[in-house]
């Protein structure tokens, strides 16, 4: 079973073609798109708006930034070095 529909593939192909021609613009800022990944995202977004079969957006950015609070298991602050005691 395919993840993406043919319509979604066509939209992505069109977005990539426009990007290579320098005609693809991003949303609100209306800047030229130069990154192929961004072109794919725009194509999928357009296909999603038209109701084509496209998986839901993944929240990979929020899940990849997990707080990595490393526990200090058994570690304590190092004390003064031996032999460096001044008299």
C-alpha atoms as a PDB file:
ATOM      1  CA  UNK A   1       0.000   0.000   0.000  1.00  0.00           C
ATOM      2  CA  UNK A   2       1.443   3.337  -1.068  1.00  0.00           C
ATOM      3  CA  UNK A   3       2.016   6.082   1.474  1.00  0.00           C
ATOM      4  CA  UNK A   4       1.536   8.880  -1.043  1.00  0.00           C
ATOM      5  CA  UNK A   5      -1.008   9.201  -3.841  1.00  0.00           C
ATOM      6  CA  UNK A   6      -0.118   9.908  -7.466  1.00  0.00           C
ATOM      7  CA  UNK A   7      -1.535  13.411  -7.095  1.00  0.00           C
ATOM      8  CA  UNK A   8       0.894  14.074  -4.246  1.00  0.00           C
ATOM      9  CA  UNK A   9       3.782  12.852  -6.392  1.00  0.00           C
ATOM     10  CA  UNK A  10       2.733  15.174  -9.199  1.00  0.00           C
ATOM     11  CA  UNK A  11       2.579  18.155  -6.831  1.00  0.00           C
ATOM     12  CA  UNK A  12       6.063  17.402  -5.478  1.00  0.00           C
ATOM     13  CA  UNK A  13       7.429  16.978  -9.010  1.00  0.00           C
ATOM     14  CA  UNK A  14       5.921  20.331 -10.017  1.00  0.00           C
ATOM     15  CA  UNK A  15       7.363  22.045  -6.932  1.00  0.00           C
ATOM     16  CA  UNK A  16      10.826  20.616  -7.628  1.00  0.00           C
ATOM     17  CA  UNK A  17      10.621  21.772 -11.259  1.00  0.00           C
ATOM     18  CA  UNK A  18       9.638  25.278 -10.178  1.00  0.00           C
ATOM     19  CA  UNK A  19      12.473  25.322  -7.640  1.00  0.00           C
ATOM     20  CA  UNK A  20      15.046  24.435 -10.313  1.00  0.00           C
ATOM     21  CA  UNK A  21      13.661  27.185 -12.552  1.00  0.00           C
ATOM     22  CA  UNK A  22      13.834  29.651  -9.657  1.00  0.00           C
ATOM     23  CA  UNK A  23      10.090  30.287  -9.668  1.00  0.00           C
ATOM     24  CA  UNK A  24       9.115  28.545  -6.427  1.00  0.00           C
ATOM     25  CA  UNK A  25       8.429  30.972  -3.585  1.00  0.00           C
ATOM     26  CA  UNK A  26       7.830  30.234   0.076  1.00  0.00           C
ATOM     27  CA  UNK A  27       4.615  31.161   1.865  1.00  0.00           C
ATOM     28  CA  UNK A  28       4.360  34.440   3.747  1.00  0.00           C
ATOM     29  CA  UNK A  29       7.869  35.753   3.166  1.00  0.00           C
ATOM     30  CA  UNK A  30       7.615  35.098  -0.592  1.00  0.00           C
ATOM     31  CA  UNK A  31      11.352  34.329  -0.760  1.00  0.00           C
ATOM     32  CA  UNK A  32      12.833  32.095  -3.429  1.00  0.00           C
ATOM     33  CA  UNK A  33      13.132  28.444  -2.383  1.00  0.00           C
ATOM     34  CA  UNK A  34      16.578  26.919  -2.984  1.00  0.00           C
ATOM     35  CA  UNK A  35      16.471  23.864  -0.735  1.00  0.00           C
ATOM     36  CA  UNK A  36      15.084  20.663  -2.341  1.00  0.00           C
ATOM     37  CA  UNK A  37      13.720  19.461   1.003  1.00  0.00           C
ATOM     38  CA  UNK A  38      11.745  22.666   1.318  1.00  0.00           C
ATOM     39  CA  UNK A  39      10.389  22.171  -2.212  1.00  0.00           C
ATOM     40  CA  UNK A  40       9.207  18.663  -1.306  1.00  0.00           C
ATOM     41  CA  UNK A  41       7.531  20.014   1.828  1.00  0.00           C
ATOM     42  CA  UNK A  42       5.733  22.684  -0.191  1.00  0.00           C
ATOM     43  CA  UNK A  43       4.567  20.096  -2.741  1.00  0.00           C
ATOM     44  CA  UNK A  44       3.231  17.792  -0.030  1.00  0.00           C
ATOM     45  CA  UNK A  45       1.527  20.691   1.694  1.00  0.00           C
ATOM     46  CA  UNK A  46      -0.235  21.706  -1.506  1.00  0.00           C
ATOM     47  CA  UNK A  47      -1.305  18.096  -2.106  1.00  0.00           C
ATOM     48  CA  UNK A  48      -2.582  17.871   1.467  1.00  0.00           C
ATOM     49  CA  UNK A  49      -4.683  21.014   0.933  1.00  0.00           C
ATOM     50  CA  UNK A  50      -6.305  19.458  -2.150  1.00  0.00           C
ATOM     51  CA  UNK A  51      -7.191  16.326  -0.214  1.00  0.00           C
ATOM     52  CA  UNK A  52      -4.658  13.955  -1.768  1.00  0.00           C
ATOM     53  CA  UNK A  53      -3.514  10.932   0.196  1.00  0.00           C
ATOM     54  CA  UNK A  54      -0.568  12.232   2.195  1.00  0.00           C
ATOM     55  CA  UNK A  55       0.451  11.135   5.712  1.00  0.00           C
ATOM     56  CA  UNK A  56      -0.053  13.630   8.515  1.00  0.00           C
ATOM     57  CA  UNK A  57       2.711  16.051   9.351  1.00  0.00           C
ATOM     58  CA  UNK A  58       5.164  14.502  11.767  1.00  0.00           C
ATOM     59  CA  UNK A  59       6.136  16.467  14.825  1.00  0.00           C
ATOM     60  CA  UNK A  60       9.756  15.394  14.447  1.00  0.00           C
ATOM     61  CA  UNK A  61      11.172  18.777  15.397  1.00  0.00           C
ATOM     62  CA  UNK A  62       9.469  18.853  18.777  1.00  0.00           C
ATOM     63  CA  UNK A  63      10.166  15.204  19.533  1.00  0.00           C
ATOM     64  CA  UNK A  64      13.814  15.336  18.465  1.00  0.00           C
ATOM     65  CA  UNK A  65      14.527  18.158  20.906  1.00  0.00           C
ATOM     66  CA  UNK A  66      13.952  16.015  23.954  1.00  0.00           C
ATOM     67  CA  UNK A  67      15.508  17.406  27.075  1.00  0.00           C
ATOM     68  CA  UNK A  68      18.564  15.302  27.701  1.00  0.00           C
ATOM     69  CA  UNK A  69      18.949  15.749  31.429  1.00  0.00           C
ATOM     70  CA  UNK A  70      21.835  13.457  32.163  1.00  0.00           C
ATOM     71  CA  UNK A  71      21.784  12.187  35.696  1.00  0.00           C
ATOM     72  CA  UNK A  72      24.975  12.430  37.665  1.00  0.00           C
ATOM     73  CA  UNK A  73      24.840   8.874  38.914  1.00  0.00           C
ATOM     74  CA  UNK A  74      27.571   8.438  41.467  1.00  0.00           C
ATOM     75  CA  UNK A  75      29.569  11.440  40.348  1.00  0.00           C
ATOM     76  CA  UNK A  76      30.451  14.151  42.784  1.00  0.00           C
ATOM     77  CA  UNK A  77      32.305  17.394  42.386  1.00  0.00           C
ATOM     78  CA  UNK A  78      36.047  16.863  42.293  1.00  0.00           C
ATOM     79  CA  UNK A  79      37.854  18.089  45.385  1.00  0.00           C
ATOM     80  CA  UNK A  80      41.256  19.748  45.540  1.00  0.00           C
ATOM     81  CA  UNK A  81      44.050  17.841  43.841  1.00  0.00           C
ATOM     82  CA  UNK A  82      46.438  15.981  46.069  1.00  0.00           C
ATOM     83  CA  UNK A  83      49.905  17.455  46.303  1.00  0.00           C
ATOM     84  CA  UNK A  84      48.818  20.970  45.454  1.00  0.00           C
ATOM     85  CA  UNK A  85      48.376  22.011  49.069  1.00  0.00           C
ATOM     86  CA  UNK A  86      50.290  25.228  49.845  1.00  0.00           C
ATOM     87  CA  UNK A  87      51.926  25.654  53.251  1.00  0.00           C
END
